[in-house]
Amino acid sequence: MPTTTELVKNYPHEESFIAQRESTMSRPSIINQSELDEMVSNAYKEVFLGTKDADTALADLDAKVSTFLQGLYS
């Protein structure tokens, strides 16, 4: 694997992203991640399309995610 210095030399326009690889990590593994992603995406769509205001969409999302995670991890 190339070093950070080598990558920056070859891709100077990507320096800030390359430097971040030293201190970042992948997202933790969550059972059924795609379902969680869909819940978040749907809440965003509800706000964007005007079917719910942001506070309502977030409150509904909070309840859905809490129930979802309790079912998986309790």
N, C-alpha and C. Protein backbone atom coordinates (compact mmCIF):
# COMPACT_ATOMS: atom_id res chain seq x y z
N MET A 1 0.85 -1.17 0.00
CA MET A 1 0.00 0.00 0.00
C MET A 1 0.90 1.24 0.00
N PRO A 2 0.59 2.20 -0.84
CA PRO A 2 1.42 3.41 -0.89
C PRO A 2 1.31 4.22 0.40
N THR A 3 2.36 4.92 0.72
CA THR A 3 2.35 5.78 1.90
C THR A 3 1.55 7.05 1.60
N THR A 4 1.22 7.77 2.66
CA THR A 4 0.50 9.03 2.49
C THR A 4 1.31 10.00 1.66
N THR A 5 2.61 10.07 1.91
CA THR A 5 3.49 10.98 1.15
C THR A 5 3.46 10.65 -0.33
N GLU A 6 3.53 9.36 -0.66
CA GLU A 6 3.49 8.95 -2.07
C GLU A 6 2.15 9.31 -2.72
N LEU A 7 1.08 9.09 -2.00
CA LEU A 7 -0.24 9.41 -2.55
C LEU A 7 -0.39 10.91 -2.79
N VAL A 8 0.04 11.72 -1.84
CA VAL A 8 -0.06 13.17 -1.99
C VAL A 8 0.79 13.64 -3.16
N LYS A 9 1.95 13.05 -3.33
CA LYS A 9 2.82 13.41 -4.46
C LYS A 9 2.13 13.11 -5.79
N ASN A 10 1.47 11.95 -5.87
CA ASN A 10 0.82 11.55 -7.12
C ASN A 10 -0.55 12.20 -7.32
N TYR A 11 -1.19 12.59 -6.23
CA TYR A 11 -2.54 13.17 -6.30
C TYR A 11 -2.63 14.40 -5.41
N PRO A 12 -1.91 15.46 -5.73
CA PRO A 12 -1.87 16.63 -4.84
C PRO A 12 -3.24 17.27 -4.61
N HIS A 13 -4.14 17.19 -5.57
CA HIS A 13 -5.47 17.78 -5.43
C HIS A 13 -6.33 17.00 -4.44
N GLU A 14 -5.91 15.82 -4.03
CA GLU A 14 -6.66 14.99 -3.08
C GLU A 14 -6.03 14.99 -1.68
N GLU A 15 -5.11 15.91 -1.41
CA GLU A 15 -4.33 15.88 -0.17
C GLU A 15 -5.19 15.84 1.09
N SER A 16 -6.21 16.66 1.16
CA SER A 16 -7.01 16.67 2.39
C SER A 16 -7.72 15.34 2.62
N PHE A 17 -8.17 14.70 1.55
CA PHE A 17 -8.83 13.40 1.70
C PHE A 17 -7.83 12.30 2.04
N ILE A 18 -6.68 12.36 1.42
CA ILE A 18 -5.64 11.35 1.68
C ILE A 18 -5.17 11.44 3.13
N ALA A 19 -5.01 12.64 3.63
CA ALA A 19 -4.55 12.81 5.01
C ALA A 19 -5.55 12.25 6.01
N GLN A 20 -6.82 12.25 5.66
CA GLN A 20 -7.85 11.77 6.58
C GLN A 20 -7.78 10.26 6.79
N ARG A 21 -7.16 9.55 5.87
CA ARG A 21 -7.14 8.08 6.00
C ARG A 21 -6.37 7.64 7.24
N GLU A 22 -5.52 8.50 7.77
CA GLU A 22 -4.76 8.18 8.97
C GLU A 22 -5.64 8.17 10.23
N SER A 23 -6.75 8.91 10.20
CA SER A 23 -7.55 9.04 11.42
C SER A 23 -9.01 8.63 11.25
N THR A 24 -9.33 7.99 10.16
CA THR A 24 -10.72 7.57 9.95
C THR A 24 -10.84 6.06 10.04
N MET A 25 -12.06 5.61 10.19
CA MET A 25 -12.31 4.18 10.21
C MET A 25 -13.65 3.93 9.52
N SER A 26 -13.87 2.70 9.16
CA SER A 26 -15.13 2.38 8.50
C SER A 26 -16.28 2.42 9.51
N ARG A 27 -17.46 2.54 8.98
CA ARG A 27 -18.65 2.54 9.80
C ARG A 27 -18.78 1.19 10.50
N PRO A 28 -19.26 1.17 11.72
CA PRO A 28 -19.42 -0.13 12.41
C PRO A 28 -20.47 -0.98 11.70
N SER A 29 -20.32 -2.26 11.82
CA SER A 29 -21.26 -3.17 11.20
C SER A 29 -22.58 -3.15 11.98
N ILE A 30 -23.64 -2.88 11.28
CA ILE A 30 -24.97 -2.85 11.89
C ILE A 30 -25.82 -3.86 11.14
N ILE A 31 -26.47 -4.72 11.90
CA ILE A 31 -27.35 -5.71 11.29
C ILE A 31 -28.43 -4.98 10.49
N ASN A 32 -28.64 -5.41 9.27
CA ASN A 32 -29.67 -4.82 8.39
C ASN A 32 -29.46 -3.32 8.15
N GLN A 33 -28.23 -2.94 7.89
CA GLN A 33 -27.89 -1.53 7.66
C GLN A 33 -28.76 -0.91 6.57
N SER A 34 -29.07 -1.67 5.54
CA SER A 34 -29.85 -1.11 4.44
C SER A 34 -31.24 -0.66 4.91
N GLU A 35 -31.82 -1.36 5.86
CA GLU A 35 -33.12 -0.94 6.39
C GLU A 35 -33.01 0.39 7.14
N LEU A 36 -31.94 0.53 7.90
CA LEU A 36 -31.71 1.78 8.62
C LEU A 36 -31.48 2.93 7.64
N ASP A 37 -30.68 2.68 6.61
CA ASP A 37 -30.44 3.69 5.58
C ASP A 37 -31.75 4.13 4.91
N GLU A 38 -32.62 3.16 4.66
CA GLU A 38 -33.90 3.47 4.02
C GLU A 38 -34.78 4.34 4.92
N MET A 39 -34.78 4.07 6.22
CA MET A 39 -35.56 4.89 7.16
C MET A 39 -35.09 6.34 7.14
N VAL A 40 -33.78 6.53 7.16
CA VAL A 40 -33.22 7.89 7.14
C VAL A 40 -33.55 8.57 5.82
N SER A 41 -33.38 7.85 4.73
CA SER A 41 -33.67 8.40 3.41
C SER A 41 -35.14 8.80 3.28
N ASN A 42 -36.03 7.96 3.78
CA ASN A 42 -37.45 8.27 3.72
C ASN A 42 -37.81 9.50 4.53
N ALA A 43 -37.20 9.65 5.70
CA ALA A 43 -37.44 10.84 6.53
C ALA A 43 -36.99 12.11 5.79
N TYR A 44 -35.83 12.02 5.15
CA TYR A 44 -35.33 13.16 4.37
C TYR A 44 -36.31 13.50 3.25
N LYS A 45 -36.78 12.48 2.55
CA LYS A 45 -37.71 12.70 1.44
C LYS A 45 -39.00 13.36 1.92
N GLU A 46 -39.50 12.94 3.08
CA GLU A 46 -40.73 13.52 3.61
C GLU A 46 -40.57 15.02 3.84
N VAL A 47 -39.42 15.42 4.34
CA VAL A 47 -39.16 16.85 4.57
C VAL A 47 -38.98 17.56 3.24
N PHE A 48 -38.19 16.97 2.36
CA PHE A 48 -37.89 17.59 1.06
C PHE A 48 -39.17 17.77 0.23
N LEU A 49 -40.05 16.78 0.28
CA LEU A 49 -41.29 16.85 -0.50
C LEU A 49 -42.40 17.63 0.20
N GLY A 50 -42.16 18.00 1.46
CA GLY A 50 -43.12 18.82 2.19
C GLY A 50 -44.27 18.05 2.81
N THR A 51 -44.15 16.72 2.89
CA THR A 51 -45.24 15.95 3.51
C THR A 51 -45.14 15.98 5.04
N LYS A 52 -43.95 16.32 5.57
CA LYS A 52 -43.76 16.49 7.02
C LYS A 52 -42.77 17.63 7.23
N ASP A 53 -42.92 18.32 8.37
CA ASP A 53 -41.89 19.29 8.72
C ASP A 53 -40.71 18.53 9.35
N ALA A 54 -39.57 19.17 9.45
CA ALA A 54 -38.34 18.51 9.90
C ALA A 54 -38.48 17.94 11.31
N ASP A 55 -39.10 18.69 12.21
CA ASP A 55 -39.24 18.21 13.59
C ASP A 55 -40.08 16.94 13.67
N THR A 56 -41.16 16.90 12.92
CA THR A 56 -42.02 15.72 12.91
C THR A 56 -41.32 14.53 12.28
N ALA A 57 -40.66 14.77 11.16
CA ALA A 57 -39.94 13.69 10.48
C ALA A 57 -38.84 13.11 11.38
N LEU A 58 -38.12 13.99 12.10
CA LEU A 58 -37.07 13.50 13.00
C LEU A 58 -37.64 12.75 14.20
N ALA A 59 -38.73 13.23 14.73
CA ALA A 59 -39.36 12.53 15.86
C ALA A 59 -39.85 11.16 15.43
N ASP A 60 -40.48 11.09 14.25
CA ASP A 60 -40.94 9.81 13.73
C ASP A 60 -39.77 8.87 13.45
N LEU A 61 -38.70 9.42 12.88
CA LEU A 61 -37.50 8.63 12.59
C LEU A 61 -36.89 8.10 13.88
N ASP A 62 -36.83 8.94 14.89
CA ASP A 62 -36.28 8.53 16.18
C ASP A 62 -37.05 7.32 16.73
N ALA A 63 -38.35 7.39 16.67
CA ALA A 63 -39.18 6.28 17.18
C ALA A 63 -38.94 5.01 16.36
N LYS A 64 -38.89 5.15 15.03
CA LYS A 64 -38.68 3.98 14.17
C LYS A 64 -37.30 3.36 14.41
N VAL A 65 -36.27 4.20 14.48
CA VAL A 65 -34.91 3.69 14.67
C VAL A 65 -34.76 3.05 16.05
N SER A 66 -35.34 3.66 17.07
CA SER A 66 -35.27 3.07 18.42
C SER A 66 -35.90 1.69 18.44
N THR A 67 -37.07 1.56 17.84
CA THR A 67 -37.75 0.26 17.77
C THR A 67 -36.92 -0.73 16.97
N PHE A 68 -36.40 -0.28 15.85
CA PHE A 68 -35.58 -1.12 14.97
C PHE A 68 -34.36 -1.65 15.72
N LEU A 69 -33.63 -0.77 16.40
CA LEU A 69 -32.42 -1.19 17.10
C LEU A 69 -32.74 -2.05 18.30
N GLN A 70 -33.82 -1.76 19.01
CA GLN A 70 -34.19 -2.58 20.17
C GLN A 70 -34.48 -4.01 19.73
N GLY A 71 -35.14 -4.15 18.59
CA GLY A 71 -35.45 -5.47 18.09
C GLY A 71 -34.21 -6.26 17.69
N LEU A 72 -33.16 -5.58 17.32
CA LEU A 72 -31.95 -6.24 16.87
C LEU A 72 -30.96 -6.52 18.00
N TYR A 73 -30.87 -5.61 18.95
CA TYR A 73 -29.79 -5.66 19.93
C TYR A 73 -30.25 -5.89 21.37
N SER A 74 -31.53 -6.16 21.60
CA SER A 74 -31.92 -6.39 22.99
C SER A 74 -32.18 -7.85 23.24
